[in-house]
Amino acid sequence: MQYRIDGELIHARSCHCSRCRKAFSGAGSAYAELADPGSFSWVRGAENLQAYASQPDWGLMFCKTCGTTLCGTHKDQVHGVTLGTLNGDPGIQIEAHIFVGSKAPWDHIGGSAPQFDTWQT
């Protein structure tokens, strides 16, 4: 599976809600939006994608082989990518931790990014 982004990533965040913990099999997600959704393209492996609609117009895409969460979608277009799937330095840092009010009791958040009990305000 390989994708390409010909643009910048914005709004990097980590979500600690129960849905993200399950989808990412960890303490939460590490996700960044595409500044220009048209800058994303699949280079190879698109036939091995599995889509999951988490709510109307929103979803996630996974690798059918290994189960890796690759990206988020909005209205069937890639909206952003999971930071763990990027090679090298993405040039962006986590700028916020969201839904910290529902984080797992074993999760200890580090770093200096602000934390929000619900959505980032």
PDB file of N, CA and C in Angstrom:
ATOM      1  N   MET A   1       0.848  -1.164   0.000  1.00  0.00           N
ATOM      2  CA  MET A   1       0.000   0.000   0.000  1.00  0.00           C
ATOM      3  C   MET A   1       0.897   1.231   0.000  1.00  0.00           C
ATOM      4  N   GLN A   2       0.623   2.137  -0.903  1.00  0.00           N
ATOM      5  CA  GLN A   2       1.427   3.353  -0.960  1.00  0.00           C
ATOM      6  C   GLN A   2       0.550   4.501  -1.454  1.00  0.00           C
ATOM      7  N   TYR A   3       0.729   5.658  -0.797  1.00  0.00           N
ATOM      8  CA  TYR A   3       0.030   6.859  -1.241  1.00  0.00           C
ATOM      9  C   TYR A   3       1.011   8.008  -1.356  1.00  0.00           C
ATOM     10  N   ARG A   4       0.538   9.085  -1.982  1.00  0.00           N
ATOM     11  CA  ARG A   4       1.370  10.265  -2.186  1.00  0.00           C
ATOM     12  C   ARG A   4       0.546  11.498  -1.807  1.00  0.00           C
ATOM     13  N   ILE A   5       1.215  12.456  -1.175  1.00  0.00           N
ATOM     14  CA  ILE A   5       0.592  13.731  -0.848  1.00  0.00           C
ATOM     15  C   ILE A   5       1.441  14.828  -1.476  1.00  0.00           C
ATOM     16  N   ASP A   6       0.847  15.577  -2.382  1.00  0.00           N
ATOM     17  CA  ASP A   6       1.533  16.701  -3.022  1.00  0.00           C
ATOM     18  C   ASP A   6       1.001  17.996  -2.410  1.00  0.00           C
ATOM     19  N   GLY A   7       1.216  18.130  -1.129  1.00  0.00           N
ATOM     20  CA  GLY A   7       0.711  19.295  -0.419  1.00  0.00           C
ATOM     21  C   GLY A   7       1.076  19.196   1.045  1.00  0.00           C
ATOM     22  N   GLU A   8       0.475  20.059   1.830  1.00  0.00           N
ATOM     23  CA  GLU A   8       0.839  20.077   3.239  1.00  0.00           C
ATOM     24  C   GLU A   8      -0.243  19.465   4.118  1.00  0.00           C
ATOM     25  N   LEU A   9       0.185  19.022   5.285  1.00  0.00           N
ATOM     26  CA  LEU A   9      -0.714  18.516   6.306  1.00  0.00           C
ATOM     27  C   LEU A   9      -0.983  19.624   7.314  1.00  0.00           C
ATOM     28  N   ILE A  10      -2.208  19.648   7.843  1.00  0.00           N
ATOM     29  CA  ILE A  10      -2.596  20.657   8.823  1.00  0.00           C
ATOM     30  C   ILE A  10      -3.387  20.014   9.956  1.00  0.00           C
ATOM     31  N   HIS A  11      -3.550  20.729  11.035  1.00  0.00           N
ATOM     32  CA  HIS A  11      -4.401  20.335  12.168  1.00  0.00           C
ATOM     33  C   HIS A  11      -4.097  18.931  12.709  1.00  0.00           C
ATOM     34  N   ALA A  12      -2.837  18.650  12.975  1.00  0.00           N
ATOM     35  CA  ALA A  12      -2.471  17.350  13.545  1.00  0.00           C
ATOM     36  C   ALA A  12      -3.009  17.265  14.964  1.00  0.00           C
ATOM     37  N   ARG A  13      -3.619  16.149  15.267  1.00  0.00           N
ATOM     38  CA  ARG A  13      -4.206  15.973  16.591  1.00  0.00           C
ATOM     39  C   ARG A  13      -4.226  14.505  16.973  1.00  0.00           C
ATOM     40  N   SER A  14      -4.403  14.294  18.251  1.00  0.00           N
ATOM     41  CA  SER A  14      -4.572  12.942  18.764  1.00  0.00           C
ATOM     42  C   SER A  14      -5.919  12.902  19.464  1.00  0.00           C
ATOM     43  N   CYS A  15      -6.750  11.971  19.049  1.00  0.00           N
ATOM     44  CA  CYS A  15      -8.077  11.822  19.651  1.00  0.00           C
ATOM     45  C   CYS A  15      -8.055  10.628  20.593  1.00  0.00           C
ATOM     46  N   HIS A  16      -8.583  10.818  21.778  1.00  0.00           N
ATOM     47  CA  HIS A  16      -8.553   9.779  22.812  1.00  0.00           C
ATOM     48  C   HIS A  16      -9.933   9.195  23.091  1.00  0.00           C
ATOM     49  N   CYS A  17     -10.900   9.390  22.175  1.00  0.00           N
ATOM     50  CA  CYS A  17     -12.245   8.838  22.386  1.00  0.00           C
ATOM     51  C   CYS A  17     -12.212   7.312  22.240  1.00  0.00           C
ATOM     52  N   SER A  18     -13.265   6.658  22.703  1.00  0.00           N
ATOM     53  CA  SER A  18     -13.293   5.191  22.666  1.00  0.00           C
ATOM     54  C   SER A  18     -13.291   4.654  21.235  1.00  0.00           C
ATOM     55  N   ARG A  19     -13.917   5.346  20.299  1.00  0.00           N
ATOM     56  CA  ARG A  19     -13.920   4.867  18.904  1.00  0.00           C
ATOM     57  C   ARG A  19     -12.522   4.909  18.310  1.00  0.00           C
ATOM     58  N   CYS A  20     -11.770   5.978  18.566  1.00  0.00           N
ATOM     59  CA  CYS A  20     -10.400   6.064  18.030  1.00  0.00           C
ATOM     60  C   CYS A  20      -9.478   5.057  18.703  1.00  0.00           C
ATOM     61  N   ARG A  21      -9.666   4.843  19.999  1.00  0.00           N
ATOM     62  CA  ARG A  21      -8.845   3.822  20.675  1.00  0.00           C
ATOM     63  C   ARG A  21      -9.031   2.469  20.007  1.00  0.00           C
ATOM     64  N   LYS A  22     -10.260   2.137  19.669  1.00  0.00           N
ATOM     65  CA  LYS A  22     -10.529   0.841  19.034  1.00  0.00           C
ATOM     66  C   LYS A  22     -10.025   0.812  17.586  1.00  0.00           C
ATOM     67  N   ALA A  23     -10.284   1.867  16.818  1.00  0.00           N
ATOM     68  CA  ALA A  23      -9.872   1.903  15.408  1.00  0.00           C
ATOM     69  C   ALA A  23      -8.356   1.895  15.251  1.00  0.00           C
ATOM     70  N   PHE A  24      -7.641   2.483  16.221  1.00  0.00           N
ATOM     71  CA  PHE A  24      -6.187   2.594  16.131  1.00  0.00           C
ATOM     72  C   PHE A  24      -5.469   1.618  17.060  1.00  0.00           C
ATOM     73  N   SER A  25      -6.238   0.818  17.790  1.00  0.00           N
ATOM     74  CA  SER A  25      -5.684  -0.199  18.699  1.00  0.00           C
ATOM     75  C   SER A  25      -4.641   0.384  19.643  1.00  0.00           C
ATOM     76  N   GLY A  26      -4.960   1.502  20.256  1.00  0.00           N
ATOM     77  CA  GLY A  26      -4.010   2.143  21.160  1.00  0.00           C
ATOM     78  C   GLY A  26      -4.683   3.198  22.013  1.00  0.00           C
ATOM     79  N   ALA A  27      -3.878   4.110  22.528  1.00  0.00           N
ATOM     80  CA  ALA A  27      -4.370   5.167  23.406  1.00  0.00           C
ATOM     81  C   ALA A  27      -5.222   6.180  22.652  1.00  0.00           C
ATOM     82  N   GLY A  28      -5.084   6.237  21.356  1.00  0.00           N
ATOM     83  CA  GLY A  28      -5.863   7.171  20.544  1.00  0.00           C
ATOM     84  C   GLY A  28      -5.313   7.218  19.138  1.00  0.00           C
ATOM     85  N   SER A  29      -5.761   8.194  18.410  1.00  0.00           N
ATOM     86  CA  SER A  29      -5.311   8.362  17.041  1.00  0.00           C
ATOM     87  C   SER A  29      -4.214   9.417  16.964  1.00  0.00           C
ATOM     88  N   ALA A  30      -3.482   9.401  15.887  1.00  0.00           N
ATOM     89  CA  ALA A  30      -2.542  10.472  15.524  1.00  0.00           C
ATOM     90  C   ALA A  30      -2.856  10.742  14.060  1.00  0.00           C
ATOM     91  N   TYR A  31      -3.458  11.900  13.793  1.00  0.00           N
ATOM     92  CA  TYR A  31      -4.101  12.166  12.513  1.00  0.00           C
ATOM     93  C   TYR A  31      -3.844  13.602  12.096  1.00  0.00           C
ATOM     94  N   ALA A  32      -3.674  13.828  10.821  1.00  0.00           N
ATOM     95  CA  ALA A  32      -3.555  15.189  10.295  1.00  0.00           C
ATOM     96  C   ALA A  32      -4.400  15.313   9.037  1.00  0.00           C
ATOM     97  N   GLU A  33      -4.992  16.474   8.878  1.00  0.00           N
ATOM     98  CA  GLU A  33      -5.819  16.746   7.711  1.00  0.00           C
ATOM     99  C   GLU A  33      -4.951  17.178   6.527  1.00  0.00           C
ATOM    100  N   LEU A  34      -5.482  16.994   5.343  1.00  0.00           N
ATOM    101  CA  LEU A  34      -4.846  17.484   4.123  1.00  0.00           C
ATOM    102  C   LEU A  34      -5.282  18.933   3.921  1.00  0.00           C
ATOM    103  N   ALA A  35      -4.344  19.839   3.700  1.00  0.00           N
ATOM    104  CA  ALA A  35      -4.701  21.225   3.414  1.00  0.00           C
ATOM    105  C   ALA A  35      -5.530  21.280   2.132  1.00  0.00           C
ATOM    106  N   ASP A  36      -5.182  20.440   1.177  1.00  0.00           N
ATOM    107  CA  ASP A  36      -5.911  20.335  -0.087  1.00  0.00           C
ATOM    108  C   ASP A  36      -6.225  18.863  -0.325  1.00  0.00           C
ATOM    109  N   PRO A  37      -7.477  18.440  -0.110  1.00  0.00           N
ATOM    110  CA  PRO A  37      -7.799  17.026  -0.315  1.00  0.00           C
ATOM    111  C   PRO A  37      -7.442  16.498  -1.699  1.00  0.00           C
ATOM    112  N   GLY A  38      -7.378  17.347  -2.699  1.00  0.00           N
ATOM    113  CA  GLY A  38      -6.988  16.923  -4.040  1.00  0.00           C
ATOM    114  C   GLY A  38      -5.514  16.582  -4.170  1.00  0.00           C
ATOM    115  N   SER A  39      -4.736  16.857  -3.113  1.00  0.00           N
ATOM    116  CA  SER A  39      -3.296  16.581  -3.164  1.00  0.00           C
ATOM    117  C   SER A  39      -2.968  15.125  -2.852  1.00  0.00           C
ATOM    118  N   PHE A  40      -3.965  14.331  -2.495  1.00  0.00           N
ATOM    119  CA  PHE A  40      -3.761  12.933  -2.105  1.00  0.00           C
ATOM    120  C   PHE A  40      -4.042  12.020  -3.288  1.00  0.00           C
ATOM    121  N   SER A  41      -3.185  11.007  -3.460  1.00  0.00           N
ATOM    122  CA  SER A  41      -3.447   9.985  -4.478  1.00  0.00           C
ATOM    123  C   SER A  41      -2.865   8.646  -4.025  1.00  0.00           C
ATOM    124  N   TRP A  42      -3.530   7.574  -4.430  1.00  0.00           N
ATOM    125  CA  TRP A  42      -3.011   6.231  -4.175  1.00  0.00           C
ATOM    126  C   TRP A  42      -2.008   5.902  -5.275  1.00  0.00           C
ATOM    127  N   VAL A  43      -0.821   5.458  -4.885  1.00  0.00           N
ATOM    128  CA  VAL A  43       0.219   5.091  -5.844  1.00  0.00           C
ATOM    129  C   VAL A  43       0.085   3.621  -6.212  1.00  0.00           C
ATOM    130  N   ARG A  44      -0.143   2.796  -5.207  1.00  0.00           N
ATOM    131  CA  ARG A  44      -0.378   1.369  -5.454  1.00  0.00           C
ATOM    132  C   ARG A  44      -1.100   0.765  -4.253  1.00  0.00           C
ATOM    133  N   GLY A  45      -1.803  -0.316  -4.526  1.00  0.00           N
ATOM    134  CA  GLY A  45      -2.492  -1.045  -3.474  1.00  0.00           C
ATOM    135  C   GLY A  45      -3.920  -0.630  -3.220  1.00  0.00           C
ATOM    136  N   ALA A  46      -4.474   0.284  -3.992  1.00  0.00           N
ATOM    137  CA  ALA A  46      -5.839   0.760  -3.756  1.00  0.00           C
ATOM    138  C   ALA A  46      -6.851  -0.380  -3.792  1.00  0.00           C
ATOM    139  N   GLU A  47      -6.553  -1.420  -4.540  1.00  0.00           N
ATOM    140  CA  GLU A  47      -7.463  -2.567  -4.599  1.00  0.00           C
ATOM    141  C   GLU A  47      -7.501  -3.335  -3.277  1.00  0.00           C
ATOM    142  N   ASN A  48      -6.567  -3.040  -2.390  1.00  0.00           N
ATOM    143  CA  ASN A  48      -6.481  -3.727  -1.103  1.00  0.00           C
ATOM    144  C   ASN A  48      -7.056  -2.885   0.041  1.00  0.00           C
ATOM    145  N   LEU A  49      -7.849  -1.872  -0.292  1.00  0.00           N
ATOM    146  CA  LEU A  49      -8.446  -1.004   0.717  1.00  0.00           C
ATOM    147  C   LEU A  49      -9.798  -1.517   1.166  1.00  0.00           C
ATOM    148  N   GLN A  50     -10.093  -1.289   2.428  1.00  0.00           N
ATOM    149  CA  GLN A  50     -11.414  -1.574   2.978  1.00  0.00           C
ATOM    150  C   GLN A  50     -11.927  -0.292   3.608  1.00  0.00           C
ATOM    151  N   ALA A  51     -13.100   0.141   3.214  1.00  0.00           N
ATOM    152  CA  ALA A  51     -13.696   1.359   3.759  1.00  0.00           C
ATOM    153  C   ALA A  51     -14.661   1.004   4.889  1.00  0.00           C
ATOM    154  N   TYR A  52     -14.729   1.881   5.871  1.00  0.00           N
ATOM    155  CA  TYR A  52     -15.670   1.740   6.981  1.00  0.00           C
ATOM    156  C   TYR A  52     -16.320   3.091   7.219  1.00  0.00           C
ATOM    157  N   ALA A  53     -17.638   3.148   7.139  1.00  0.00           N
ATOM    158  CA  ALA A  53     -18.377   4.392   7.386  1.00  0.00           C
ATOM    159  C   ALA A  53     -18.680   4.472   8.878  1.00  0.00           C
ATOM    160  N   SER A  54     -18.048   5.411   9.567  1.00  0.00           N
ATOM    161  CA  SER A  54     -18.250   5.549  11.011  1.00  0.00           C
ATOM    162  C   SER A  54     -19.503   6.358  11.343  1.00  0.00           C
ATOM    163  N   GLN A  55     -19.893   7.233  10.444  1.00  0.00           N
ATOM    164  CA  GLN A  55     -21.120   8.019  10.556  1.00  0.00           C
ATOM    165  C   GLN A  55     -21.408   8.593   9.171  1.00  0.00           C
ATOM    166  N   PRO A  56     -22.613   9.129   8.922  1.00  0.00           N
ATOM    167  CA  PRO A  56     -22.904   9.625   7.577  1.00  0.00           C
ATOM    168  C   PRO A  56     -21.829  10.590   7.062  1.00  0.00           C
ATOM    169  N   ASP A  57     -21.345  10.325   5.865  1.00  0.00           N
ATOM    170  CA  ASP A  57     -20.331  11.119   5.156  1.00  0.00           C
ATOM    171  C   ASP A  57     -18.915  10.986   5.710  1.00  0.00           C
ATOM    172  N   TRP A  58     -18.710  10.311   6.814  1.00  0.00           N
ATOM    173  CA  TRP A  58     -17.379  10.194   7.433  1.00  0.00           C
ATOM    174  C   TRP A  58     -16.992   8.727   7.562  1.00  0.00           C
ATOM    175  N   GLY A  59     -15.697   8.440   7.390  1.00  0.00           N
ATOM    176  CA  GLY A  59     -15.253   7.065   7.537  1.00  0.00           C
ATOM    177  C   GLY A  59     -13.754   6.939   7.622  1.00  0.00           C
ATOM    178  N   LEU A  60     -13.312   5.693   7.638  1.00  0.00           N
ATOM    179  CA  LEU A  60     -11.897   5.347   7.688  1.00  0.00           C
ATOM    180  C   LEU A  60     -11.610   4.340   6.597  1.00  0.00           C
ATOM    181  N   MET A  61     -10.350   4.277   6.166  1.00  0.00           N
ATOM    182  CA  MET A  61      -9.926   3.257   5.219  1.00  0.00           C
ATOM    183  C   MET A  61      -8.787   2.456   5.837  1.00  0.00           C
ATOM    184  N   PHE A  62      -8.864   1.147   5.658  1.00  0.00           N
ATOM    185  CA  PHE A  62      -7.923   0.197   6.235  1.00  0.00           C
ATOM    186  C   PHE A  62      -7.282  -0.639   5.146  1.00  0.00           C
ATOM    187  N   CYS A  63      -6.109  -1.199   5.449  1.00  0.00           N
ATOM    188  CA  CYS A  63      -5.489  -2.199   4.590  1.00  0.00           C
ATOM    189  C   CYS A  63      -6.157  -3.539   4.885  1.00  0.00           C
ATOM    190  N   LYS A  64      -6.660  -4.225   3.849  1.00  0.00           N
ATOM    191  CA  LYS A  64      -7.314  -5.520   4.039  1.00  0.00           C
ATOM    192  C   LYS A  64      -6.353  -6.592   4.528  1.00  0.00           C
ATOM    193  N   THR A  65      -5.064  -6.451   4.234  1.00  0.00           N
ATOM    194  CA  THR A  65      -4.086  -7.473   4.602  1.00  0.00           C
ATOM    195  C   THR A  65      -3.665  -7.365   6.059  1.00  0.00           C
ATOM    196  N   CYS A  66      -3.245  -6.168   6.479  1.00  0.00           N
ATOM    197  CA  CYS A  66      -2.686  -6.035   7.825  1.00  0.00           C
ATOM    198  C   CYS A  66      -3.599  -5.299   8.807  1.00  0.00           C
ATOM    199  N   GLY A  67      -4.657  -4.654   8.315  1.00  0.00           N
ATOM    200  CA  GLY A  67      -5.595  -3.966   9.186  1.00  0.00           C
ATOM    201  C   GLY A  67      -5.193  -2.555   9.582  1.00  0.00           C
ATOM    202  N   THR A  68      -4.107  -2.045   9.041  1.00  0.00           N
ATOM    203  CA  THR A  68      -3.648  -0.709   9.394  1.00  0.00           C
ATOM    204  C   THR A  68      -4.674   0.343   8.993  1.00  0.00           C
ATOM    205  N   THR A  69      -4.992   1.242   9.927  1.00  0.00           N
ATOM    206  CA  THR A  69      -5.845   2.387   9.617  1.00  0.00           C
ATOM    207  C   THR A  69      -4.987   3.386   8.847  1.00  0.00           C
ATOM    208  N   LEU A  70      -5.380   3.706   7.617  1.00  0.00           N
ATOM    209  CA  LEU A  70      -4.555   4.520   6.733  1.00  0.00           C
ATOM    210  C   LEU A  70      -4.987   5.980   6.652  1.00  0.00           C
ATOM    211  N   CYS A  71      -6.290   6.204   6.545  1.00  0.00           N
ATOM    212  CA  CYS A  71      -6.754   7.573   6.329  1.00  0.00           C
ATOM    213  C   CYS A  71      -8.202   7.719   6.752  1.00  0.00           C
ATOM    214  N   GLY A  72      -8.608   8.952   6.852  1.00  0.00           N
ATOM    215  CA  GLY A  72      -9.994   9.283   7.113  1.00  0.00           C
ATOM    216  C   GLY A  72     -10.616   9.832   5.849  1.00  0.00           C
ATOM    217  N   THR A  73     -11.913   9.615   5.677  1.00  0.00           N
ATOM    218  CA  THR A  73     -12.606  10.095   4.493  1.00  0.00           C
ATOM    219  C   THR A  73     -13.788  10.975   4.880  1.00  0.00           C
ATOM    220  N   HIS A  74     -14.114  11.884   4.001  1.00  0.00           N
ATOM    221  CA  HIS A  74     -15.304  12.713   4.127  1.00  0.00           C
ATOM    222  C   HIS A  74     -15.939  12.786   2.746  1.00  0.00           C
ATOM    223  N   LYS A  75     -17.181  12.352   2.661  1.00  0.00           N
ATOM    224  CA  LYS A  75     -17.904  12.319   1.387  1.00  0.00           C
ATOM    225  C   LYS A  75     -17.094  11.588   0.315  1.00  0.00           C
ATOM    226  N   ASP A  76     -16.553  10.421   0.705  1.00  0.00           N
ATOM    227  CA  ASP A  76     -15.806   9.521  -0.182  1.00  0.00           C
ATOM    228  C   ASP A  76     -14.499  10.091  -0.721  1.00  0.00           C
ATOM    229  N   GLN A  77     -13.992  11.138  -0.109  1.00  0.00           N
ATOM    230  CA  GLN A  77     -12.696  11.705  -0.503  1.00  0.00           C
ATOM    231  C   GLN A  77     -11.772  11.657   0.721  1.00  0.00           C
ATOM    232  N   VAL A  78     -10.492  11.354   0.511  1.00  0.00           N
ATOM    233  CA  VAL A  78      -9.548  11.315   1.623  1.00  0.00           C
ATOM    234  C   VAL A  78      -9.470  12.705   2.247  1.00  0.00           C
ATOM    235  N   HIS A  79      -9.685  12.749   3.541  1.00  0.00           N
ATOM    236  CA  HIS A  79      -9.728  13.995   4.321  1.00  0.00           C
ATOM    237  C   HIS A  79      -8.412  14.243   5.052  1.00  0.00           C
ATOM    238  N   GLY A  80      -7.772  13.141   5.479  1.00  0.00           N
ATOM    239  CA  GLY A  80      -6.526  13.229   6.229  1.00  0.00           C
ATOM    240  C   GLY A  80      -5.907  11.855   6.369  1.00  0.00           C
ATOM    241  N   VAL A  81      -4.706  11.825   6.923  1.00  0.00           N
ATOM    242  CA  VAL A  81      -3.973  10.567   7.041  1.00  0.00           C
ATOM    243  C   VAL A  81      -3.552  10.315   8.486  1.00  0.00           C
ATOM    244  N   THR A  82      -3.345   9.046   8.782  1.00  0.00           N
ATOM    245  CA  THR A  82      -2.817   8.681  10.086  1.00  0.00           C
ATOM    246  C   THR A  82      -1.309   8.902  10.065  1.00  0.00           C
ATOM    247  N   LEU A  83      -0.810   9.606  11.057  1.00  0.00           N
ATOM    248  CA  LEU A  83       0.604   9.993  11.055  1.00  0.00           C
ATOM    249  C   LEU A  83       1.542   8.795  11.132  1.00  0.00           C
ATOM    250  N   GLY A  84       1.096   7.704  11.723  1.00  0.00           N
ATOM    251  CA  GLY A  84       1.931   6.512  11.823  1.00  0.00           C
ATOM    252  C   GLY A  84       2.210   5.844  10.491  1.00  0.00           C
ATOM    253  N   THR A  85       1.471   6.194   9.448  1.00  0.00           N
ATOM    254  CA  THR A  85       1.700   5.578   8.133  1.00  0.00           C
ATOM    255  C   THR A  85       2.651   6.382   7.261  1.00  0.00           C
ATOM    256  N   LEU A  86       3.097   7.538   7.748  1.00  0.00           N
ATOM    257  CA  LEU A  86       4.005   8.379   6.969  1.00  0.00           C
ATOM    258  C   LEU A  86       5.457   7.950   7.149  1.00  0.00           C
ATOM    259  N   ASN A  87       6.227   8.061   6.092  1.00  0.00           N
ATOM    260  CA  ASN A  87       7.670   7.829   6.166  1.00  0.00           C
ATOM    261  C   ASN A  87       8.356   9.169   6.383  1.00  0.00           C
ATOM    262  N   GLY A  88       9.349   9.216   7.232  1.00  0.00           N
ATOM    263  CA  GLY A  88      10.105  10.447   7.443  1.00  0.00           C
ATOM    264  C   GLY A  88       9.351  11.466   8.286  1.00  0.00           C
ATOM    265  N   ASP A  89       9.871  12.670   8.298  1.00  0.00           N
ATOM    266  CA  ASP A  89       9.306  13.766   9.080  1.00  0.00           C
ATOM    267  C   ASP A  89       8.171  14.413   8.288  1.00  0.00           C
ATOM    268  N   PRO A  90       6.952  14.392   8.823  1.00  0.00           N
ATOM    269  CA  PRO A  90       5.842  14.988   8.086  1.00  0.00           C
ATOM    270  C   PRO A  90       5.822  16.517   8.145  1.00  0.00           C
ATOM    271  N   GLY A  91       6.712  17.114   8.937  1.00  0.00           N
ATOM    272  CA  GLY A  91       6.766  18.562   9.040  1.00  0.00           C
ATOM    273  C   GLY A  91       5.645  19.154   9.864  1.00  0.00           C
ATOM    274  N   ILE A  92       5.064  18.348  10.719  1.00  0.00           N
ATOM    275  CA  ILE A  92       3.954  18.789  11.556  1.00  0.00           C
ATOM    276  C   ILE A  92       4.022  18.066  12.898  1.00  0.00           C
ATOM    277  N   GLN A  93       3.543  18.700  13.935  1.00  0.00           N
ATOM    278  CA  GLN A  93       3.512  18.112  15.282  1.00  0.00           C
ATOM    279  C   GLN A  93       2.060  18.047  15.762  1.00  0.00           C
ATOM    280  N   ILE A  94       1.782  17.169  16.690  1.00  0.00           N
ATOM    281  CA  ILE A  94       0.451  17.120  17.305  1.00  0.00           C
ATOM    282  C   ILE A  94       0.196  18.478  17.959  1.00  0.00           C
ATOM    283  N   GLU A  95      -0.880  19.142  17.561  1.00  0.00           N
ATOM    284  CA  GLU A  95      -1.183  20.463  18.117  1.00  0.00           C
ATOM    285  C   GLU A  95      -2.274  20.430  19.177  1.00  0.00           C
ATOM    286  N   ALA A  96      -2.958  19.284  19.324  1.00  0.00           N
ATOM    287  CA  ALA A  96      -3.998  19.184  20.349  1.00  0.00           C
ATOM    288  C   ALA A  96      -4.335  17.723  20.619  1.00  0.00           C
ATOM    289  N   HIS A  97      -4.722  17.465  21.847  1.00  0.00           N
ATOM    290  CA  HIS A  97      -5.287  16.174  22.261  1.00  0.00           C
ATOM    291  C   HIS A  97      -6.760  16.437  22.511  1.00  0.00           C
ATOM    292  N   ILE A  98      -7.627  15.687  21.800  1.00  0.00           N
ATOM    293  CA  ILE A  98      -9.059  15.912  21.944  1.00  0.00           C
ATOM    294  C   ILE A  98      -9.758  14.703  22.570  1.00  0.00           C
ATOM    295  N   PHE A  99     -10.912  14.941  23.135  1.00  0.00           N
ATOM    296  CA  PHE A  99     -11.716  13.943  23.839  1.00  0.00           C
ATOM    297  C   PHE A  99     -10.921  13.262  24.958  1.00  0.00           C
ATOM    298  N   VAL A 100     -10.114  14.067  25.618  1.00  0.00           N
ATOM    299  CA  VAL A 100      -9.316  13.588  26.745  1.00  0.00           C
ATOM    300  C   VAL A 100     -10.224  13.201  27.916  1.00  0.00           C
ATOM    301  N   GLY A 101     -11.409  13.795  27.968  1.00  0.00           N
ATOM    302  CA  GLY A 101     -12.359  13.464  29.026  1.00  0.00           C
ATOM    303  C   GLY A 101     -12.809  12.014  29.000  1.00  0.00           C
ATOM    304  N   SER A 102     -12.623  11.329  27.878  1.00  0.00           N
ATOM    305  CA  SER A 102     -12.999   9.917  27.796  1.00  0.00           C
ATOM    306  C   SER A 102     -11.802   9.015  27.514  1.00  0.00           C
ATOM    307  N   LYS A 103     -10.598   9.502  27.802  1.00  0.00           N
ATOM    308  CA  LYS A 103      -9.405   8.681  27.554  1.00  0.00           C
ATOM    309  C   LYS A 103      -9.395   7.456  28.452  1.00  0.00           C
ATOM    310  N   ALA A 104      -8.636   6.463  28.057  1.00  0.00           N
ATOM    311  CA  ALA A 104      -8.512   5.238  28.851  1.00  0.00           C
ATOM    312  C   ALA A 104      -7.821   5.553  30.175  1.00  0.00           C
ATOM    313  N   PRO A 105      -8.187   4.871  31.246  1.00  0.00           N
ATOM    314  CA  PRO A 105      -7.584   5.151  32.549  1.00  0.00           C
ATOM    315  C   PRO A 105      -6.083   4.863  32.599  1.00  0.00           C
ATOM    316  N   TRP A 106      -5.579   4.040  31.691  1.00  0.00           N
ATOM    317  CA  TRP A 106      -4.156   3.701  31.673  1.00  0.00           C
ATOM    318  C   TRP A 106      -3.345   4.647  30.796  1.00  0.00           C
ATOM    319  N   ASP A 107      -4.017   5.596  30.122  1.00  0.00           N
ATOM    320  CA  ASP A 107      -3.361   6.515  29.192  1.00  0.00           C
ATOM    321  C   ASP A 107      -2.781   7.711  29.944  1.00  0.00           C
ATOM    322  N   HIS A 108      -1.500   7.952  29.775  1.00  0.00           N
ATOM    323  CA  HIS A 108      -0.818   9.120  30.352  1.00  0.00           C
ATOM    324  C   HIS A 108      -0.269   9.938  29.188  1.00  0.00           C
ATOM    325  N   ILE A 109      -0.893  11.066  28.934  1.00  0.00           N
ATOM    326  CA  ILE A 109      -0.557  11.890  27.782  1.00  0.00           C
ATOM    327  C   ILE A 109       0.670  12.737  28.075  1.00  0.00           C
ATOM    328  N   GLY A 110       1.637  12.681  27.192  1.00  0.00           N
ATOM    329  CA  GLY A 110       2.852  13.484  27.343  1.00  0.00           C
ATOM    330  C   GLY A 110       2.871  14.632  26.347  1.00  0.00           C
ATOM    331  N   GLY A 111       3.933  15.386  26.382  1.00  0.00           N
ATOM    332  CA  GLY A 111       4.093  16.492  25.454  1.00  0.00           C
ATOM    333  C   GLY A 111       3.422  17.759  25.950  1.00  0.00           C
ATOM    334  N   SER A 112       3.574  18.819  25.182  1.00  0.00           N
ATOM    335  CA  SER A 112       3.070  20.117  25.614  1.00  0.00           C
ATOM    336  C   SER A 112       1.824  20.577  24.858  1.00  0.00           C
ATOM    337  N   ALA A 113       1.291  19.768  23.959  1.00  0.00           N
ATOM    338  CA  ALA A 113       0.091  20.167  23.217  1.00  0.00           C
ATOM    339  C   ALA A 113      -1.088  20.288  24.179  1.00  0.00           C
ATOM    340  N   PRO A 114      -1.953  21.272  23.970  1.00  0.00           N
ATOM    341  CA  PRO A 114      -3.105  21.445  24.859  1.00  0.00           C
ATOM    342  C   PRO A 114      -4.049  20.245  24.798  1.00  0.00           C
ATOM    343  N   GLN A 115      -4.771  20.046  25.888  1.00  0.00           N
ATOM    344  CA  GLN A 115      -5.710  18.935  26.005  1.00  0.00           C
ATOM    345  C   GLN A 115      -7.121  19.482  26.188  1.00  0.00           C
ATOM    346  N   PHE A 116      -8.074  18.865  25.483  1.00  0.00           N
ATOM    347  CA  PHE A 116      -9.468  19.283  25.528  1.00  0.00           C
ATOM    348  C   PHE A 116     -10.335  18.097  25.924  1.00  0.00           C
ATOM    349  N   ASP A 117     -11.251  18.306  26.850  1.00  0.00           N
ATOM    350  CA  ASP A 117     -12.122  17.227  27.305  1.00  0.00           C
ATOM    351  C   ASP A 117     -13.007  16.672  26.189  1.00  0.00           C
ATOM    352  N   THR A 118     -13.406  17.542  25.254  1.00  0.00           N
ATOM    353  CA  THR A 118     -14.222  17.109  24.118  1.00  0.00           C
ATOM    354  C   THR A 118     -13.509  17.574  22.850  1.00  0.00           C
ATOM    355  N   TRP A 119     -14.254  18.121  21.920  1.00  0.00           N
ATOM    356  CA  TRP A 119     -13.676  18.616  20.670  1.00  0.00           C
ATOM    357  C   TRP A 119     -12.822  19.847  20.956  1.00  0.00           C
ATOM    358  N   GLN A 120     -11.813  20.060  20.136  1.00  0.00           N
ATOM    359  CA  GLN A 120     -10.935  21.206  20.277  1.00  0.00           C
ATOM    360  C   GLN A 120     -11.732  22.488  20.088  1.00  0.00           C
ATOM    361  N   THR A 121     -11.548  23.423  21.020  1.00  0.00           N
ATOM    362  CA  THR A 121     -12.286  24.692  20.900  1.00  0.00           C
ATOM    363  C   THR A 121     -11.357  25.822  20.541  1.00  0.00           C
TER     364      THR A 121
END
